[in-house]
Amino acid sequence: MNRFLAFIALIAGLALPAAVLAQASAQNTLPAGIYYPNGATQVQTLPIGIVTKDSVSGQWCIIGASATCSLPALDAAQLAALADLNTTMSASVSFLPPIAPVASSDSSLTAAVVNFSGSGDQLLVSATASQLTRVHILTCSFASGTAVNVYFKAGSTAITHLIPIPATGGNINWSYSYYPWLRTAANEALNVNLSQAVAGGCTLKYVKGA
């Protein structure tokens, strides 16, 4: 039972009576604190205190006795933890997509309507030197009569999987997306490829840019 209580306290960060901890330690369980493997040894890490952000200095700190978050005497581990926290909170974010998202009401969205009746590549958006194309809204319809496999291409490169359309006809409906459904590289046309000649068309809204 004491082992169980010590384990629960370890996870929850609760303080157990000294007698319980002493007995748990005598039974070869870990005392209060969290242990992580470090090679062949185990390193005990202890709580550093309540961390808050000082509204005056803007620094993260361990809360002290006063309401203004004055720092008590800190040991090296606490100072290192606060330095890491300050670095993390002030660092620029580098994992967001490099392309700025476009709002659905953005005036830079260009509308295009394309009709087709053949097979092979059907041009949706022409290539522009030094500019790529990003499609945020796309709707395509295919008439009944012939089953057809459809995919989209940036230049000569497929950028989607095959989308089967049955002989009874069908639609592709990609409503507004904050990030583009389709994207070409600079100076690449956007095409839809049809495995069979079929009547249909696409309506799309896109952005051109660097």
C-alpha atoms as a PDB file:
ATOM      1  CA  MET A   1       0.000   0.000   0.000  1.00  0.00           C
ATOM      2  CA  ASN A   2       2.825   2.413   0.865  1.00  0.00           C
ATOM      3  CA  ARG A   3       4.456   1.709  -2.476  1.00  0.00           C
ATOM      4  CA  PHE A   4       1.176   2.532  -4.189  1.00  0.00           C
ATOM      5  CA  LEU A   5       0.752   5.776  -2.220  1.00  0.00           C
ATOM      6  CA  ALA A   6       4.310   6.824  -2.985  1.00  0.00           C
ATOM      7  CA  PHE A   7       3.747   6.156  -6.705  1.00  0.00           C
ATOM      8  CA  ILE A   8       0.512   8.197  -6.743  1.00  0.00           C
ATOM      9  CA  ALA A   9       2.191  11.040  -4.892  1.00  0.00           C
ATOM     10  CA  LEU A  10       5.097  10.943  -7.315  1.00  0.00           C
ATOM     11  CA  ILE A  11       2.781  11.450 -10.296  1.00  0.00           C
ATOM     12  CA  ALA A  12       0.510  13.998  -8.668  1.00  0.00           C
ATOM     13  CA  GLY A  13       3.302  15.974  -7.000  1.00  0.00           C
ATOM     14  CA  LEU A  14       1.758  15.453  -3.549  1.00  0.00           C
ATOM     15  CA  ALA A  15       3.660  15.481  -0.277  1.00  0.00           C
ATOM     16  CA  LEU A  16       3.405  12.266   1.763  1.00  0.00           C
ATOM     17  CA  PRO A  17       4.023  11.936   5.482  1.00  0.00           C
ATOM     18  CA  ALA A  18       7.663  11.327   6.316  1.00  0.00           C
ATOM     19  CA  ALA A  19       6.853   7.939   7.810  1.00  0.00           C
ATOM     20  CA  VAL A  20       5.274   6.734   4.589  1.00  0.00           C
ATOM     21  CA  LEU A  21       8.199   7.973   2.507  1.00  0.00           C
ATOM     22  CA  ALA A  22      10.679   6.365   4.870  1.00  0.00           C
ATOM     23  CA  GLN A  23       8.910   3.023   4.663  1.00  0.00           C
ATOM     24  CA  ALA A  24       8.580   3.280   0.884  1.00  0.00           C
ATOM     25  CA  SER A  25      12.293   4.051   0.626  1.00  0.00           C
ATOM     26  CA  ALA A  26      13.098   1.092   2.846  1.00  0.00           C
ATOM     27  CA  GLN A  27      11.109  -1.079   0.459  1.00  0.00           C
ATOM     28  CA  ASN A  28      13.330   0.050  -2.449  1.00  0.00           C
ATOM     29  CA  THR A  29      10.798   2.417  -3.935  1.00  0.00           C
ATOM     30  CA  LEU A  30      11.830   5.873  -5.103  1.00  0.00           C
ATOM     31  CA  PRO A  31      11.512   8.847  -2.739  1.00  0.00           C
ATOM     32  CA  ALA A  32       9.621  11.982  -3.763  1.00  0.00           C
ATOM     33  CA  GLY A  33      10.766  13.363  -7.101  1.00  0.00           C
ATOM     34  CA  ILE A  34      10.829  12.130 -10.690  1.00  0.00           C
ATOM     35  CA  TYR A  35      13.566   9.875 -11.968  1.00  0.00           C
ATOM     36  CA  TYR A  36      14.793   9.574 -15.533  1.00  0.00           C
ATOM     37  CA  PRO A  37      17.385   7.109 -16.824  1.00  0.00           C
ATOM     38  CA  ASN A  38      20.772   8.692 -17.527  1.00  0.00           C
ATOM     39  CA  GLY A  39      23.011   5.981 -18.898  1.00  0.00           C
ATOM     40  CA  ALA A  40      23.669   3.516 -16.093  1.00  0.00           C
ATOM     41  CA  THR A  41      22.507   5.917 -13.371  1.00  0.00           C
ATOM     42  CA  GLN A  42      19.275   7.582 -12.362  1.00  0.00           C
ATOM     43  CA  VAL A  43      18.948  11.324 -11.939  1.00  0.00           C
ATOM     44  CA  GLN A  44      16.417  12.771  -9.532  1.00  0.00           C
ATOM     45  CA  THR A  45      14.664  15.968 -10.623  1.00  0.00           C
ATOM     46  CA  LEU A  46      12.838  18.050  -8.057  1.00  0.00           C
ATOM     47  CA  PRO A  47      10.130  20.701  -8.571  1.00  0.00           C
ATOM     48  CA  ILE A  48      11.571  24.204  -9.088  1.00  0.00           C
ATOM     49  CA  GLY A  49       8.553  26.008  -7.679  1.00  0.00           C
ATOM     50  CA  ILE A  50       5.624  27.956  -9.096  1.00  0.00           C
ATOM     51  CA  VAL A  51       6.608  29.629 -12.355  1.00  0.00           C
ATOM     52  CA  THR A  52       4.938  32.852 -13.427  1.00  0.00           C
ATOM     53  CA  LYS A  53       5.607  35.843 -15.668  1.00  0.00           C
ATOM     54  CA  ASP A  54       6.440  39.198 -14.124  1.00  0.00           C
ATOM     55  CA  SER A  55       4.086  41.826 -15.587  1.00  0.00           C
ATOM     56  CA  VAL A  56       6.694  44.553 -15.114  1.00  0.00           C
ATOM     57  CA  SER A  57       9.874  42.976 -16.451  1.00  0.00           C
ATOM     58  CA  GLY A  58       8.196  40.499 -18.785  1.00  0.00           C
ATOM     59  CA  GLN A  59      10.502  37.772 -17.504  1.00  0.00           C
ATOM     60  CA  TRP A  60       9.471  34.309 -16.404  1.00  0.00           C
ATOM     61  CA  CYS A  61      10.396  33.728 -12.782  1.00  0.00           C
ATOM     62  CA  ILE A  62       9.827  31.524  -9.771  1.00  0.00           C
ATOM     63  CA  ILE A  63       7.285  33.257  -7.600  1.00  0.00           C
ATOM     64  CA  GLY A  64       8.599  34.705  -4.363  1.00  0.00           C
ATOM     65  CA  ALA A  65       7.021  35.901  -1.172  1.00  0.00           C
ATOM     66  CA  SER A  66       5.784  39.200  -2.604  1.00  0.00           C
ATOM     67  CA  ALA A  67       3.010  39.760  -5.104  1.00  0.00           C
ATOM     68  CA  THR A  68       5.459  41.366  -7.549  1.00  0.00           C
ATOM     69  CA  CYS A  69       7.184  38.044  -8.245  1.00  0.00           C
ATOM     70  CA  SER A  70      10.483  38.966  -6.627  1.00  0.00           C
ATOM     71  CA  LEU A  71      13.018  36.216  -7.145  1.00  0.00           C
ATOM     72  CA  PRO A  72      14.244  34.301  -4.132  1.00  0.00           C
ATOM     73  CA  ALA A  73      17.752  32.915  -4.064  1.00  0.00           C
ATOM     74  CA  LEU A  74      17.897  30.405  -6.901  1.00  0.00           C
ATOM     75  CA  ASP A  75      20.181  27.476  -7.411  1.00  0.00           C
ATOM     76  CA  ALA A  76      21.852  26.656 -10.737  1.00  0.00           C
ATOM     77  CA  ALA A  77      19.147  24.198 -11.788  1.00  0.00           C
ATOM     78  CA  GLN A  78      16.389  26.762 -11.253  1.00  0.00           C
ATOM     79  CA  LEU A  79      18.287  29.465 -13.130  1.00  0.00           C
ATOM     80  CA  ALA A  80      18.931  27.076 -16.019  1.00  0.00           C
ATOM     81  CA  ALA A  81      15.240  26.100 -16.160  1.00  0.00           C
ATOM     82  CA  LEU A  82      14.170  29.746 -16.257  1.00  0.00           C
ATOM     83  CA  ALA A  83      16.734  30.552 -18.962  1.00  0.00           C
ATOM     84  CA  ASP A  84      15.385  27.698 -21.085  1.00  0.00           C
ATOM     85  CA  LEU A  85      11.817  28.898 -20.541  1.00  0.00           C
ATOM     86  CA  ASN A  86      12.696  32.463 -21.525  1.00  0.00           C
ATOM     87  CA  THR A  87      14.437  31.207 -24.658  1.00  0.00           C
ATOM     88  CA  THR A  88      11.493  28.998 -25.622  1.00  0.00           C
ATOM     89  CA  MET A  89       8.840  31.652 -25.067  1.00  0.00           C
ATOM     90  CA  SER A  90      10.737  34.384 -26.922  1.00  0.00           C
ATOM     91  CA  ALA A  91      12.022  32.318 -29.860  1.00  0.00           C
ATOM     92  CA  SER A  92      10.510  32.831 -33.287  1.00  0.00           C
ATOM     93  CA  VAL A  93       8.294  30.009 -34.538  1.00  0.00           C
ATOM     94  CA  SER A  94       9.897  28.173 -37.442  1.00  0.00           C
ATOM     95  CA  PHE A  95       7.538  25.233 -38.011  1.00  0.00           C
ATOM     96  CA  LEU A  96       4.569  27.121 -39.473  1.00  0.00           C
ATOM     97  CA  PRO A  97       3.962  26.833 -43.225  1.00  0.00           C
ATOM     98  CA  PRO A  98       6.175  29.257 -45.165  1.00  0.00           C
ATOM     99  CA  ILE A  99       3.242  30.462 -47.276  1.00  0.00           C
ATOM    100  CA  ALA A 100       0.900  32.959 -45.681  1.00  0.00           C
ATOM    101  CA  PRO A 101      -2.694  31.667 -45.549  1.00  0.00           C
ATOM    102  CA  VAL A 102      -5.410  33.531 -47.463  1.00  0.00           C
ATOM    103  CA  ALA A 103      -8.799  34.464 -46.058  1.00  0.00           C
ATOM    104  CA  SER A 104     -11.901  33.391 -47.978  1.00  0.00           C
ATOM    105  CA  SER A 105     -12.849  37.048 -48.486  1.00  0.00           C
ATOM    106  CA  ASP A 106      -9.366  38.090 -49.660  1.00  0.00           C
ATOM    107  CA  SER A 107      -9.569  40.218 -52.804  1.00  0.00           C
ATOM    108  CA  SER A 108      -6.431  38.540 -54.140  1.00  0.00           C
ATOM    109  CA  LEU A 109      -8.414  35.354 -54.843  1.00  0.00           C
ATOM    110  CA  THR A 110      -8.937  35.027 -58.579  1.00  0.00           C
ATOM    111  CA  ALA A 111     -11.922  33.091 -59.947  1.00  0.00           C
ATOM    112  CA  ALA A 112     -11.688  30.845 -62.991  1.00  0.00           C
ATOM    113  CA  VAL A 113     -14.260  28.744 -64.846  1.00  0.00           C
ATOM    114  CA  VAL A 114     -12.983  26.060 -67.228  1.00  0.00           C
ATOM    115  CA  ASN A 115     -15.053  23.704 -69.401  1.00  0.00           C
ATOM    116  CA  PHE A 116     -13.655  20.642 -71.162  1.00  0.00           C
ATOM    117  CA  SER A 117     -14.779  17.672 -73.228  1.00  0.00           C
ATOM    118  CA  GLY A 118     -11.581  15.850 -74.114  1.00  0.00           C
ATOM    119  CA  SER A 119      -9.116  13.525 -72.431  1.00  0.00           C
ATOM    120  CA  GLY A 120      -5.597  14.043 -71.143  1.00  0.00           C
ATOM    121  CA  ASP A 121      -4.398  17.324 -69.646  1.00  0.00           C
ATOM    122  CA  GLN A 122      -6.969  20.111 -69.426  1.00  0.00           C
ATOM    123  CA  LEU A 123      -5.551  23.523 -68.528  1.00  0.00           C
ATOM    124  CA  LEU A 124      -7.033  25.147 -65.433  1.00  0.00           C
ATOM    125  CA  VAL A 125      -4.530  27.936 -64.691  1.00  0.00           C
ATOM    126  CA  SER A 126      -1.755  29.081 -67.012  1.00  0.00           C
ATOM    127  CA  ALA A 127       1.861  29.239 -65.871  1.00  0.00           C
ATOM    128  CA  THR A 128       3.277  32.614 -64.862  1.00  0.00           C
ATOM    129  CA  ALA A 129       7.002  33.364 -64.750  1.00  0.00           C
ATOM    130  CA  SER A 130       8.379  33.532 -61.189  1.00  0.00           C
ATOM    131  CA  GLN A 131       4.931  32.897 -59.693  1.00  0.00           C
ATOM    132  CA  LEU A 132       3.285  29.819 -58.251  1.00  0.00           C
ATOM    133  CA  THR A 133      -0.420  29.023 -58.071  1.00  0.00           C
ATOM    134  CA  ARG A 134      -2.306  28.133 -54.881  1.00  0.00           C
ATOM    135  CA  VAL A 135      -5.894  26.882 -55.164  1.00  0.00           C
ATOM    136  CA  HIS A 136      -8.141  27.493 -52.142  1.00  0.00           C
ATOM    137  CA  ILE A 137     -11.559  26.540 -53.588  1.00  0.00           C
ATOM    138  CA  LEU A 138     -12.292  23.939 -56.261  1.00  0.00           C
ATOM    139  CA  THR A 139     -15.451  22.385 -57.681  1.00  0.00           C
ATOM    140  CA  CYS A 140     -15.484  20.075 -60.704  1.00  0.00           C
ATOM    141  CA  SER A 141     -18.373  18.263 -62.375  1.00  0.00           C
ATOM    142  CA  PHE A 142     -18.260  15.342 -64.811  1.00  0.00           C
ATOM    143  CA  ALA A 143     -21.135  14.264 -67.044  1.00  0.00           C
ATOM    144  CA  SER A 144     -22.504  10.751 -67.064  1.00  0.00           C
ATOM    145  CA  GLY A 145     -21.771   8.242 -69.799  1.00  0.00           C
ATOM    146  CA  THR A 146     -18.145   7.228 -69.243  1.00  0.00           C
ATOM    147  CA  ALA A 147     -16.193   6.307 -66.133  1.00  0.00           C
ATOM    148  CA  VAL A 148     -13.057   8.416 -65.829  1.00  0.00           C
ATOM    149  CA  ASN A 149     -10.028   8.664 -63.559  1.00  0.00           C
ATOM    150  CA  VAL A 150      -9.063  12.212 -62.670  1.00  0.00           C
ATOM    151  CA  TYR A 151      -5.949  13.713 -61.099  1.00  0.00           C
ATOM    152  CA  PHE A 152      -4.387  17.149 -60.873  1.00  0.00           C
ATOM    153  CA  LYS A 153      -0.956  18.130 -62.134  1.00  0.00           C
ATOM    154  CA  ALA A 154       1.522  20.931 -61.567  1.00  0.00           C
ATOM    155  CA  GLY A 155       3.130  21.156 -64.959  1.00  0.00           C
ATOM    156  CA  SER A 156       3.895  17.539 -65.839  1.00  0.00           C
ATOM    157  CA  THR A 157       3.937  16.297 -62.223  1.00  0.00           C
ATOM    158  CA  ALA A 158       0.932  14.668 -60.550  1.00  0.00           C
ATOM    159  CA  ILE A 159       0.087  16.383 -57.257  1.00  0.00           C
ATOM    160  CA  THR A 160      -2.945  14.268 -56.285  1.00  0.00           C
ATOM    161  CA  HIS A 161      -3.874  10.617 -56.368  1.00  0.00           C
ATOM    162  CA  LEU A 162      -6.318   9.205 -58.928  1.00  0.00           C
ATOM    163  CA  ILE A 163      -9.911  10.228 -58.248  1.00  0.00           C
ATOM    164  CA  PRO A 164     -12.339   7.746 -59.863  1.00  0.00           C
ATOM    165  CA  ILE A 165     -15.562   9.183 -61.312  1.00  0.00           C
ATOM    166  CA  PRO A 166     -18.198   6.537 -62.128  1.00  0.00           C
ATOM    167  CA  ALA A 167     -20.066   6.273 -65.437  1.00  0.00           C
ATOM    168  CA  THR A 168     -23.085   7.829 -63.743  1.00  0.00           C
ATOM    169  CA  GLY A 169     -21.133  11.075 -63.387  1.00  0.00           C
ATOM    170  CA  GLY A 170     -19.862  12.816 -60.292  1.00  0.00           C
ATOM    171  CA  ASN A 171     -18.385  15.873 -58.649  1.00  0.00           C
ATOM    172  CA  ILE A 172     -15.318  17.036 -56.782  1.00  0.00           C
ATOM    173  CA  ASN A 173     -16.188  19.609 -54.122  1.00  0.00           C
ATOM    174  CA  TRP A 174     -13.314  21.153 -52.167  1.00  0.00           C
ATOM    175  CA  SER A 175     -14.766  24.040 -50.202  1.00  0.00           C
ATOM    176  CA  TYR A 176     -12.673  26.940 -48.983  1.00  0.00           C
ATOM    177  CA  SER A 177      -9.500  25.884 -47.191  1.00  0.00           C
ATOM    178  CA  TYR A 178      -7.307  28.278 -45.218  1.00  0.00           C
ATOM    179  CA  TYR A 179      -4.313  26.525 -46.759  1.00  0.00           C
ATOM    180  CA  PRO A 180      -4.301  25.613 -50.456  1.00  0.00           C
ATOM    181  CA  TRP A 181      -5.701  22.352 -51.790  1.00  0.00           C
ATOM    182  CA  LEU A 182      -3.373  22.483 -54.777  1.00  0.00           C
ATOM    183  CA  ARG A 183      -0.069  24.239 -55.284  1.00  0.00           C
ATOM    184  CA  THR A 184       2.288  24.511 -58.229  1.00  0.00           C
ATOM    185  CA  ALA A 185       5.889  25.644 -58.329  1.00  0.00           C
ATOM    186  CA  ALA A 186       6.837  28.906 -59.996  1.00  0.00           C
ATOM    187  CA  ASN A 187       6.229  28.982 -63.753  1.00  0.00           C
ATOM    188  CA  GLU A 188       4.103  25.810 -63.710  1.00  0.00           C
ATOM    189  CA  ALA A 189       0.612  25.448 -65.158  1.00  0.00           C
ATOM    190  CA  LEU A 190      -2.154  23.759 -63.211  1.00  0.00           C
ATOM    191  CA  ASN A 191      -3.893  20.965 -65.137  1.00  0.00           C
ATOM    192  CA  VAL A 192      -6.542  18.362 -64.544  1.00  0.00           C
ATOM    193  CA  ASN A 193      -5.915  15.066 -66.327  1.00  0.00           C
ATOM    194  CA  LEU A 194      -8.789  12.881 -67.581  1.00  0.00           C
ATOM    195  CA  SER A 195      -8.267   9.242 -68.505  1.00  0.00           C
ATOM    196  CA  GLN A 196     -11.248   9.344 -70.919  1.00  0.00           C
ATOM    197  CA  ALA A 197     -12.917  12.029 -72.988  1.00  0.00           C
ATOM    198  CA  VAL A 198     -15.807  13.317 -70.921  1.00  0.00           C
ATOM    199  CA  ALA A 199     -17.737  16.562 -70.757  1.00  0.00           C
ATOM    200  CA  GLY A 200     -17.285  18.547 -67.583  1.00  0.00           C
ATOM    201  CA  GLY A 201     -15.807  21.614 -66.023  1.00  0.00           C
ATOM    202  CA  CYS A 202     -14.156  23.135 -62.968  1.00  0.00           C
ATOM    203  CA  THR A 203     -14.705  26.337 -61.027  1.00  0.00           C
ATOM    204  CA  LEU A 204     -11.825  27.431 -58.806  1.00  0.00           C
ATOM    205  CA  LYS A 205     -10.462  30.341 -56.805  1.00  0.00           C
ATOM    206  CA  TYR A 206      -6.713  30.719 -56.610  1.00  0.00           C
ATOM    207  CA  VAL A 207      -3.831  33.028 -55.759  1.00  0.00           C
ATOM    208  CA  LYS A 208      -0.717  33.801 -57.777  1.00  0.00           C
ATOM    209  CA  GLY A 209       2.422  34.768 -55.934  1.00  0.00           C
ATOM    210  CA  ALA A 210       6.103  34.249 -55.323  1.00  0.00           C
END
